[in-house]
């Protein structure tokens, strides 16, 4: 994902540096990162939040690419 796409996602998501329970009842951290790595009361830096976002995006992008079975040109 390019810098503009990353900035757009960050602007929509917002950033919480301390883990919280979102409106769906899911423990969340940073720019919307969820999963077993997020622990109650956990605190991170903004740089760590951005790194988590990039890791999440890599995983989700791969999942989408793996499901595409037709050319996208």
C-alpha atoms as a PDB file:
ATOM      1  CA  UNK A   1       0.000   0.000   0.000  1.00  0.00           C
ATOM      2  CA  UNK A   2       1.248   3.442  -0.843  1.00  0.00           C
ATOM      3  CA  UNK A   3       1.692   6.371   1.500  1.00  0.00           C
ATOM      4  CA  UNK A   4      -1.575   8.038   0.435  1.00  0.00           C
ATOM      5  CA  UNK A   5      -3.566   4.878   1.094  1.00  0.00           C
ATOM      6  CA  UNK A   6      -1.866   4.427   4.442  1.00  0.00           C
ATOM      7  CA  UNK A   7      -2.613   8.045   5.406  1.00  0.00           C
ATOM      8  CA  UNK A   8      -6.264   7.601   4.392  1.00  0.00           C
ATOM      9  CA  UNK A   9      -6.653   4.463   6.503  1.00  0.00           C
ATOM     10  CA  UNK A  10      -4.989   6.145   9.460  1.00  0.00           C
ATOM     11  CA  UNK A  11      -7.293   9.171   9.177  1.00  0.00           C
ATOM     12  CA  UNK A  12     -10.430   6.999   9.175  1.00  0.00           C
ATOM     13  CA  UNK A  13      -9.271   4.662  11.936  1.00  0.00           C
ATOM     14  CA  UNK A  14      -7.666   7.053  14.405  1.00  0.00           C
ATOM     15  CA  UNK A  15      -5.006   5.888  16.825  1.00  0.00           C
ATOM     16  CA  UNK A  16      -5.325   4.711  20.417  1.00  0.00           C
ATOM     17  CA  UNK A  17      -1.994   3.980  22.068  1.00  0.00           C
ATOM     18  CA  UNK A  18      -3.578   2.158  25.005  1.00  0.00           C
ATOM     19  CA  UNK A  19      -5.592  -1.008  24.417  1.00  0.00           C
ATOM     20  CA  UNK A  20      -9.357  -0.528  24.654  1.00  0.00           C
ATOM     21  CA  UNK A  21     -12.507  -2.489  23.964  1.00  0.00           C
ATOM     22  CA  UNK A  22     -14.150  -1.210  20.775  1.00  0.00           C
ATOM     23  CA  UNK A  23     -17.918  -0.898  20.241  1.00  0.00           C
ATOM     24  CA  UNK A  24     -17.976  -4.480  18.888  1.00  0.00           C
ATOM     25  CA  UNK A  25     -16.495  -5.732  22.175  1.00  0.00           C
ATOM     26  CA  UNK A  26     -13.053  -6.509  20.689  1.00  0.00           C
ATOM     27  CA  UNK A  27      -9.799  -5.552  22.398  1.00  0.00           C
ATOM     28  CA  UNK A  28      -8.133  -3.081  20.013  1.00  0.00           C
ATOM     29  CA  UNK A  29      -4.875  -1.124  19.865  1.00  0.00           C
ATOM     30  CA  UNK A  30      -3.182   1.440  17.640  1.00  0.00           C
ATOM     31  CA  UNK A  31      -4.872   1.965  14.272  1.00  0.00           C
ATOM     32  CA  UNK A  32      -7.430  -0.806  14.829  1.00  0.00           C
ATOM     33  CA  UNK A  33      -5.144  -3.758  15.415  1.00  0.00           C
ATOM     34  CA  UNK A  34      -6.824  -6.750  17.059  1.00  0.00           C
ATOM     35  CA  UNK A  35      -5.764 -10.271  17.928  1.00  0.00           C
ATOM     36  CA  UNK A  36      -3.937 -12.260  20.562  1.00  0.00           C
ATOM     37  CA  UNK A  37      -1.035  -9.772  20.594  1.00  0.00           C
ATOM     38  CA  UNK A  38      -3.321  -7.112  22.140  1.00  0.00           C
ATOM     39  CA  UNK A  39      -3.479  -7.382  25.930  1.00  0.00           C
ATOM     40  CA  UNK A  40      -5.632  -5.373  28.377  1.00  0.00           C
ATOM     41  CA  UNK A  41      -3.836  -2.217  29.545  1.00  0.00           C
ATOM     42  CA  UNK A  42      -1.140  -2.579  26.878  1.00  0.00           C
ATOM     43  CA  UNK A  43       0.459   0.705  25.767  1.00  0.00           C
ATOM     44  CA  UNK A  44       2.525   1.303  22.620  1.00  0.00           C
ATOM     45  CA  UNK A  45       4.173   4.213  20.805  1.00  0.00           C
ATOM     46  CA  UNK A  46       2.815   5.735  17.609  1.00  0.00           C
ATOM     47  CA  UNK A  47       5.727   4.140  15.716  1.00  0.00           C
ATOM     48  CA  UNK A  48       4.707   0.730  17.098  1.00  0.00           C
ATOM     49  CA  UNK A  49       1.077   1.440  16.132  1.00  0.00           C
ATOM     50  CA  UNK A  50       2.155   2.193  12.562  1.00  0.00           C
ATOM     51  CA  UNK A  51       4.254  -0.988  12.456  1.00  0.00           C
ATOM     52  CA  UNK A  52       1.229  -3.019  13.623  1.00  0.00           C
ATOM     53  CA  UNK A  53      -0.925  -1.376  10.949  1.00  0.00           C
ATOM     54  CA  UNK A  54       1.587  -2.287   8.248  1.00  0.00           C
ATOM     55  CA  UNK A  55       1.767  -5.891   9.521  1.00  0.00           C
ATOM     56  CA  UNK A  56      -2.033  -6.122   9.529  1.00  0.00           C
ATOM     57  CA  UNK A  57      -2.253  -4.680   6.009  1.00  0.00           C
ATOM     58  CA  UNK A  58       0.319  -7.132   4.683  1.00  0.00           C
ATOM     59  CA  UNK A  59      -1.680 -10.031   6.122  1.00  0.00           C
ATOM     60  CA  UNK A  60      -5.032  -8.741   4.818  1.00  0.00           C
ATOM     61  CA  UNK A  61      -3.646  -7.864   1.371  1.00  0.00           C
ATOM     62  CA  UNK A  62      -2.264 -11.405   1.051  1.00  0.00           C
ATOM     63  CA  UNK A  63      -5.636 -12.886   2.056  1.00  0.00           C
ATOM     64  CA  UNK A  64      -7.411 -10.865  -0.646  1.00  0.00           C
ATOM     65  CA  UNK A  65      -4.822 -11.680  -3.330  1.00  0.00           C
ATOM     66  CA  UNK A  66      -5.048 -15.382  -2.451  1.00  0.00           C
ATOM     67  CA  UNK A  67      -8.826 -15.295  -3.086  1.00  0.00           C
ATOM     68  CA  UNK A  68      -8.662 -13.590  -6.495  1.00  0.00           C
ATOM     69  CA  UNK A  69      -8.856 -16.098  -9.320  1.00  0.00           C
ATOM     70  CA  UNK A  70      -9.368 -13.788 -12.319  1.00  0.00           C
ATOM     71  CA  UNK A  71      -7.075 -11.222 -13.980  1.00  0.00           C
ATOM     72  CA  UNK A  72      -7.561  -7.691 -12.642  1.00  0.00           C
ATOM     73  CA  UNK A  73      -6.229  -5.758 -15.639  1.00  0.00           C
END
